[in-house]
Amino acid sequence: MKPSDIIAICFFSLVILLYLGLLVYLHCFKKIYRLIFPSPSPMYTEKFFGDKLKYANVYNSLVNLKSDQLLNSYNLERVRAIPYVYLKNKYSETSNYLIYFHGNAEDMQAASQFMEHLMKTINTNIFVIEYPGYGVYEMQKNMSSNLIEEDALTLYDHIKKTQKLLDNQIYVFGRSIGTGPAFYVASVRNVKGLIVMSCYKSIKTIIQDLCCGFGIIIVFFFCLPDIFKNYERSQQVKCPIVFIHGLHDKLIKPYHSNYLYTNLPMSIQNKSQIFIKERMTHNDFDIDNDIACSILELFQELRYSKF
């Protein structure tokens, strides 16, 4: 065998080993989720929200299955504390409640500003949910899409219980990455309504759209998981859905929302609406005209009496 052949074999063997090592690092050590959920530097501290900041404690699975009366007989082991912000309506007394799952490159601080503005037009109390590794929510070793969905459901049940609410008082709103947990909660709970802004079929399909469709190569070589399968979860939602998407959204193209809407079960599609906003992009939009008006078009019970 020629020396050049040996060098070539060694080179390609090294490339394969590095590739396999990268896959092990990304998947076995859950680093793949840090690429999908690139949390920004914290924009707030615990003192920022004052008494608006709440926590839902998660205990070990055995204890979580027990009733309140039995909890006291166990040595509780708190697994984590999920932070959320409660924004009580400042403009009226209302029995409407909305749970908001924010976008990717923001935390509860920016999300709360968005919701505070929306509350001027939408008559509801609002809960803003945080994700692991974002803001004051410490990173979890087992960070994954499953953990985010588990947190979302835990918070829904916690809020419903602590506020003594009925399902038909609660709306769920997800933006961008947040439409994943939003669709999940709406698929397993009987919520009053679902609002999705810049939603997607699944995370894998977003990546496949990158670089004029060549993102499919990234998906293939890095064995990216197909997480937040909204195309499946949307089939299990039983409530009306408002789809809001920017016509000029380059990050998550509007065909995602169109696909999910047109493939809804006919009984749900007939009581849902889709709005493709002409002047809206992924991050540039008018909260009143693009978001609030679209929501109120379907969920008229969220209007203030003065409107």
Protein backbone atom coordinates (compact mmCIF):
# COMPACT_ATOMS: atom_id res chain seq x y z
CA MET A 1 0.00 0.00 0.00
CA LYS A 2 1.30 3.41 -0.98
CA PRO A 3 2.12 5.95 1.75
CA SER A 4 -0.39 8.34 0.16
CA ASP A 5 -3.13 5.68 0.53
CA ILE A 6 -2.26 5.19 4.21
CA ILE A 7 -2.42 8.94 4.79
CA ALA A 8 -5.79 9.14 3.05
CA ILE A 9 -7.19 6.24 5.10
CA CYS A 10 -5.91 7.82 8.33
CA PHE A 11 -7.36 11.17 7.36
CA PHE A 12 -10.83 9.83 6.56
CA SER A 13 -10.77 7.62 9.68
CA LEU A 14 -10.00 10.70 11.76
CA VAL A 15 -12.84 12.63 10.11
CA ILE A 16 -15.28 9.78 10.83
CA LEU A 17 -14.12 9.54 14.45
CA LEU A 18 -14.51 13.29 14.90
CA TYR A 19 -17.97 13.14 13.31
CA LEU A 20 -19.07 10.27 15.57
CA GLY A 21 -17.57 12.04 18.58
CA LEU A 22 -19.55 15.17 17.72
CA LEU A 23 -22.77 13.16 17.45
CA VAL A 24 -22.11 11.55 20.84
CA TYR A 25 -21.39 14.96 22.36
CA LEU A 26 -24.51 16.55 20.87
CA HIS A 27 -26.96 13.75 21.61
CA CYS A 28 -25.67 11.81 24.63
CA PHE A 29 -24.84 14.97 26.56
CA LYS A 30 -28.00 16.79 25.41
CA LYS A 31 -25.98 19.61 23.83
CA ILE A 32 -28.20 19.47 20.76
CA TYR A 33 -30.91 21.23 22.78
CA ARG A 34 -28.64 24.16 23.57
CA LEU A 35 -28.37 24.76 19.82
CA ILE A 36 -32.14 24.59 19.42
CA PHE A 37 -32.83 26.67 22.55
CA PRO A 38 -30.07 29.34 22.58
CA SER A 39 -31.18 31.22 25.69
CA PRO A 40 -30.15 34.89 25.81
CA SER A 41 -28.26 36.48 28.66
CA PRO A 42 -30.75 37.02 31.53
CA MET A 43 -32.57 40.33 31.18
CA TYR A 44 -33.94 40.32 34.73
CA THR A 45 -33.38 39.14 38.30
CA GLU A 46 -35.83 37.79 40.85
CA LYS A 47 -36.30 41.31 42.25
CA PHE A 48 -37.35 42.70 38.88
CA PHE A 49 -40.92 41.36 39.00
CA GLY A 50 -41.44 41.63 42.76
CA ASP A 51 -44.51 39.71 43.95
CA LYS A 52 -45.56 39.04 40.34
CA LEU A 53 -42.90 36.31 40.13
CA LYS A 54 -44.24 32.92 41.19
CA TYR A 55 -42.89 29.37 41.25
CA ALA A 56 -44.43 25.97 40.65
CA ASN A 57 -42.51 23.34 42.59
CA VAL A 58 -41.96 19.96 40.96
CA TYR A 59 -41.37 17.04 43.28
CA ASN A 60 -40.32 13.48 42.58
CA SER A 61 -42.79 11.58 40.40
CA LEU A 62 -44.01 9.31 43.21
CA VAL A 63 -44.99 12.22 45.41
CA ASN A 64 -46.57 14.12 42.52
CA LEU A 65 -49.08 11.30 42.17
CA LYS A 66 -50.29 11.63 45.76
CA SER A 67 -53.14 13.76 47.02
CA ASP A 68 -52.59 16.90 49.09
CA GLN A 69 -53.53 15.05 52.26
CA LEU A 70 -50.87 12.41 51.64
CA LEU A 71 -48.13 14.86 50.69
CA ASN A 72 -47.45 15.78 54.30
CA SER A 73 -46.58 12.18 55.14
CA TYR A 74 -43.70 12.16 52.63
CA ASN A 75 -40.25 13.66 52.81
CA LEU A 76 -40.68 15.90 49.79
CA GLU A 77 -37.81 16.02 47.34
CA ARG A 78 -38.09 19.10 45.15
CA VAL A 79 -36.76 18.38 41.69
CA ARG A 80 -37.00 21.94 40.37
CA ALA A 81 -38.95 25.19 40.70
CA ILE A 82 -40.53 26.53 37.50
CA PRO A 83 -40.77 30.34 37.42
CA TYR A 84 -43.66 32.24 35.92
CA VAL A 85 -45.05 35.76 36.11
CA TYR A 86 -48.66 36.57 36.95
CA LEU A 87 -49.88 39.75 35.27
CA LYS A 88 -53.25 40.58 36.78
CA ASN A 89 -55.43 42.71 34.54
CA LYS A 90 -55.05 46.37 35.49
CA TYR A 91 -58.01 47.60 33.49
CA SER A 92 -60.91 45.41 34.57
CA GLU A 93 -62.00 42.51 36.72
CA THR A 94 -62.11 39.52 34.41
CA SER A 95 -62.52 35.77 34.69
CA ASN A 96 -60.45 35.20 31.53
CA TYR A 97 -56.92 33.84 31.86
CA LEU A 98 -54.20 33.41 29.25
CA ILE A 99 -51.01 31.34 29.53
CA TYR A 100 -48.21 32.63 27.29
CA PHE A 101 -45.21 30.63 26.01
CA HIS A 102 -42.67 33.08 24.62
CA GLY A 103 -40.28 32.93 21.67
CA ASN A 104 -36.73 31.62 21.52
CA ALA A 105 -34.33 34.57 21.81
CA GLU A 106 -36.16 36.27 24.70
CA ASP A 107 -37.07 35.57 28.30
CA MET A 108 -39.91 36.54 30.64
CA GLN A 109 -38.80 40.18 30.80
CA ALA A 110 -39.33 40.89 27.08
CA ALA A 111 -42.33 38.55 26.96
CA SER A 112 -44.00 40.37 29.86
CA GLN A 113 -43.61 43.71 28.09
CA PHE A 114 -45.33 42.19 25.05
CA MET A 115 -48.15 40.83 27.20
CA GLU A 116 -48.55 44.08 29.18
CA HIS A 117 -49.13 45.89 25.90
CA LEU A 118 -51.50 43.19 24.63
CA MET A 119 -53.51 43.43 27.86
CA LYS A 120 -54.51 46.99 26.93
CA THR A 121 -56.71 45.49 24.21
CA ILE A 122 -57.27 41.90 25.33
CA ASN A 123 -59.44 41.54 28.44
CA THR A 124 -57.62 38.80 30.33
CA ASN A 125 -55.23 38.05 33.15
CA ILE A 126 -51.94 36.67 31.85
CA PHE A 127 -49.33 34.16 32.98
CA VAL A 128 -45.92 34.32 31.30
CA ILE A 129 -43.96 31.05 31.43
CA GLU A 130 -40.18 30.61 31.54
CA TYR A 131 -38.05 27.85 29.97
CA PRO A 132 -35.12 25.93 31.53
CA GLY A 133 -31.89 27.89 31.18
CA TYR A 134 -33.71 31.18 30.52
CA GLY A 135 -33.78 34.08 32.97
CA VAL A 136 -33.88 32.90 36.60
CA TYR A 137 -34.74 29.33 35.67
CA GLU A 138 -31.57 27.35 36.29
CA MET A 139 -30.43 24.98 33.55
CA GLN A 140 -31.54 21.40 34.03
CA LYS A 141 -29.15 18.53 33.34
CA ASN A 142 -31.86 16.67 31.44
CA MET A 143 -32.80 19.67 29.28
CA SER A 144 -34.99 18.54 26.39
CA SER A 145 -38.20 19.28 24.55
CA ASN A 146 -39.85 16.67 26.77
CA LEU A 147 -38.85 18.68 29.85
CA ILE A 148 -40.33 21.86 28.37
CA GLU A 149 -43.59 20.04 27.61
CA GLU A 150 -43.62 18.49 31.09
CA ASP A 151 -43.10 21.95 32.62
CA ALA A 152 -45.86 23.41 30.44
CA LEU A 153 -48.39 20.83 31.58
CA THR A 154 -47.27 21.10 35.21
CA LEU A 155 -47.73 24.87 35.10
CA TYR A 156 -51.14 24.60 33.45
CA ASP A 157 -52.37 22.26 36.19
CA HIS A 158 -50.68 24.33 38.91
CA ILE A 159 -52.25 27.59 37.70
CA LYS A 160 -55.65 26.00 37.30
CA LYS A 161 -55.48 24.61 40.84
CA THR A 162 -54.01 27.63 42.65
CA GLN A 163 -56.30 30.12 40.90
CA LYS A 164 -59.30 27.76 41.20
CA LEU A 165 -60.06 27.98 37.49
CA LEU A 166 -62.09 25.94 35.05
CA ASP A 167 -60.67 24.82 31.71
CA ASN A 168 -63.13 27.05 29.88
CA GLN A 169 -61.56 30.13 31.49
CA ILE A 170 -58.08 29.43 30.14
CA TYR A 171 -56.58 30.37 26.78
CA VAL A 172 -53.12 29.24 25.66
CA PHE A 173 -50.90 31.46 23.51
CA GLY A 174 -47.59 30.37 21.96
CA ARG A 175 -45.17 32.39 19.86
CA SER A 176 -42.52 30.84 17.58
CA ILE A 177 -40.73 28.11 19.58
CA GLY A 178 -43.47 28.53 22.19
CA THR A 179 -46.10 27.14 19.83
CA GLY A 180 -44.61 23.71 20.55
CA PRO A 181 -45.57 23.60 24.26
CA ALA A 182 -48.75 25.55 23.46
CA PHE A 183 -49.98 22.92 20.98
CA TYR A 184 -48.97 20.21 23.44
CA VAL A 185 -51.00 21.65 26.33
CA ALA A 186 -54.01 22.28 24.09
CA SER A 187 -53.83 18.71 22.80
CA VAL A 188 -54.08 17.15 26.29
CA ARG A 189 -56.24 19.69 28.15
CA ASN A 190 -59.67 21.12 27.32
CA VAL A 191 -58.63 24.74 27.02
CA LYS A 192 -61.02 27.48 25.93
CA GLY A 193 -58.93 28.56 22.96
CA LEU A 194 -55.48 28.35 21.39
CA ILE A 195 -53.52 31.23 19.83
CA VAL A 196 -50.39 30.46 17.81
CA MET A 197 -48.11 33.13 16.37
CA SER A 198 -45.44 32.17 13.81
CA CYS A 199 -46.01 28.47 14.35
CA TYR A 200 -44.26 25.59 12.59
CA LYS A 201 -44.91 22.00 11.55
CA SER A 202 -41.96 20.79 13.65
CA ILE A 203 -38.48 22.00 14.58
CA LYS A 204 -36.93 19.73 11.96
CA THR A 205 -38.99 21.30 9.18
CA ILE A 206 -37.78 24.78 10.17
CA ILE A 207 -34.17 23.66 9.87
CA GLN A 208 -34.87 21.93 6.57
CA ASP A 209 -36.07 25.28 5.17
CA LEU A 210 -32.72 26.94 5.90
CA CYS A 211 -30.36 27.88 3.05
CA CYS A 212 -33.02 27.51 0.34
CA GLY A 213 -33.86 23.99 1.44
CA PHE A 214 -30.29 22.78 1.95
CA GLY A 215 -30.95 22.69 5.68
CA ILE A 216 -32.06 19.11 5.07
CA ILE A 217 -28.35 18.26 4.85
CA ILE A 218 -27.84 19.65 8.37
CA VAL A 219 -30.75 17.55 9.63
CA PHE A 220 -29.29 14.42 8.00
CA PHE A 221 -25.65 14.78 9.05
CA PHE A 222 -26.37 15.84 12.63
CA CYS A 223 -29.28 13.39 13.09
CA LEU A 224 -31.44 16.19 14.46
CA PRO A 225 -34.49 14.98 16.38
CA ASP A 226 -37.97 15.82 15.12
CA ILE A 227 -39.24 17.61 18.22
CA PHE A 228 -42.36 19.68 18.89
CA LYS A 229 -44.40 17.88 16.26
CA ASN A 230 -47.15 20.45 15.87
CA TYR A 231 -48.38 18.69 12.74
CA GLU A 232 -49.37 15.76 14.99
CA ARG A 233 -50.49 17.67 18.08
CA SER A 234 -52.76 19.96 16.06
CA GLN A 235 -54.85 16.91 15.17
CA GLN A 236 -55.68 16.37 18.84
CA VAL A 237 -56.70 19.93 19.72
CA LYS A 238 -60.42 20.26 20.47
CA CYS A 239 -60.75 24.03 20.80
CA PRO A 240 -60.83 26.91 18.27
CA ILE A 241 -57.39 28.06 17.08
CA VAL A 242 -56.21 31.48 15.90
CA PHE A 243 -53.21 31.29 13.56
CA ILE A 244 -51.20 34.52 13.15
CA HIS A 245 -48.22 34.63 10.78
CA GLY A 246 -46.23 37.28 8.96
CA LEU A 247 -46.28 37.14 5.18
CA HIS A 248 -42.62 38.22 5.17
CA ASP A 249 -41.43 35.89 7.94
CA LYS A 250 -38.10 34.53 6.68
CA LEU A 251 -37.30 32.43 9.77
CA ILE A 252 -40.51 30.41 9.92
CA LYS A 253 -42.24 30.71 6.60
CA PRO A 254 -46.02 31.23 6.55
CA TYR A 255 -46.65 27.96 4.73
CA HIS A 256 -46.21 26.25 8.11
CA SER A 257 -49.32 27.94 9.51
CA ASN A 258 -51.21 27.39 6.27
CA TYR A 259 -50.36 23.68 6.36
CA LEU A 260 -51.45 23.22 9.98
CA TYR A 261 -54.68 25.17 9.43
CA THR A 262 -55.72 23.41 6.23
CA ASN A 263 -55.01 19.99 7.73
CA LEU A 264 -57.02 20.49 10.90
CA PRO A 265 -59.98 18.17 11.42
CA MET A 266 -62.88 19.86 9.66
CA SER A 267 -64.84 20.28 12.91
CA ILE A 268 -61.97 22.33 14.37
CA GLN A 269 -61.06 24.15 11.16
CA ASN A 270 -64.61 25.43 10.82
CA LYS A 271 -64.37 27.26 14.14
CA SER A 272 -60.75 28.43 13.70
CA GLN A 273 -59.21 31.29 11.70
CA ILE A 274 -55.88 32.06 10.07
CA PHE A 275 -54.42 35.53 9.56
CA ILE A 276 -51.42 36.04 7.26
CA LYS A 277 -50.43 39.64 7.97
CA GLU A 278 -49.00 41.52 4.99
CA ARG A 279 -46.66 43.90 6.86
CA MET A 280 -45.52 41.45 9.50
CA THR A 281 -42.18 39.60 9.70
CA HIS A 282 -40.96 37.24 12.41
CA ASN A 283 -39.98 40.01 14.82
CA ASP A 284 -41.55 43.15 13.35
CA PHE A 285 -45.27 43.49 13.92
CA ASP A 286 -47.91 45.82 15.30
CA ILE A 287 -49.25 44.41 18.56
CA ASP A 288 -52.65 46.07 18.22
CA ASN A 289 -53.37 45.62 14.51
CA ASP A 290 -51.54 42.37 13.78
CA ILE A 291 -51.98 40.47 17.04
CA ALA A 292 -54.82 41.85 19.17
CA CYS A 293 -57.27 42.44 16.32
CA SER A 294 -56.68 38.94 14.97
CA ILE A 295 -57.33 37.39 18.39
CA LEU A 296 -60.49 39.42 18.94
CA GLU A 297 -61.81 38.52 15.50
CA LEU A 298 -62.38 34.96 16.75
CA PHE A 299 -62.43 35.28 20.53
CA GLN A 300 -64.83 38.20 20.85
CA GLU A 301 -65.46 37.39 24.50
CA LEU A 302 -61.97 38.82 25.18
CA ARG A 303 -63.07 42.31 24.13
CA TYR A 304 -63.35 45.03 26.74
CA SER A 305 -66.88 46.34 27.04
CA LYS A 306 -65.75 49.78 25.85
CA PHE A 307 -64.73 48.22 22.52
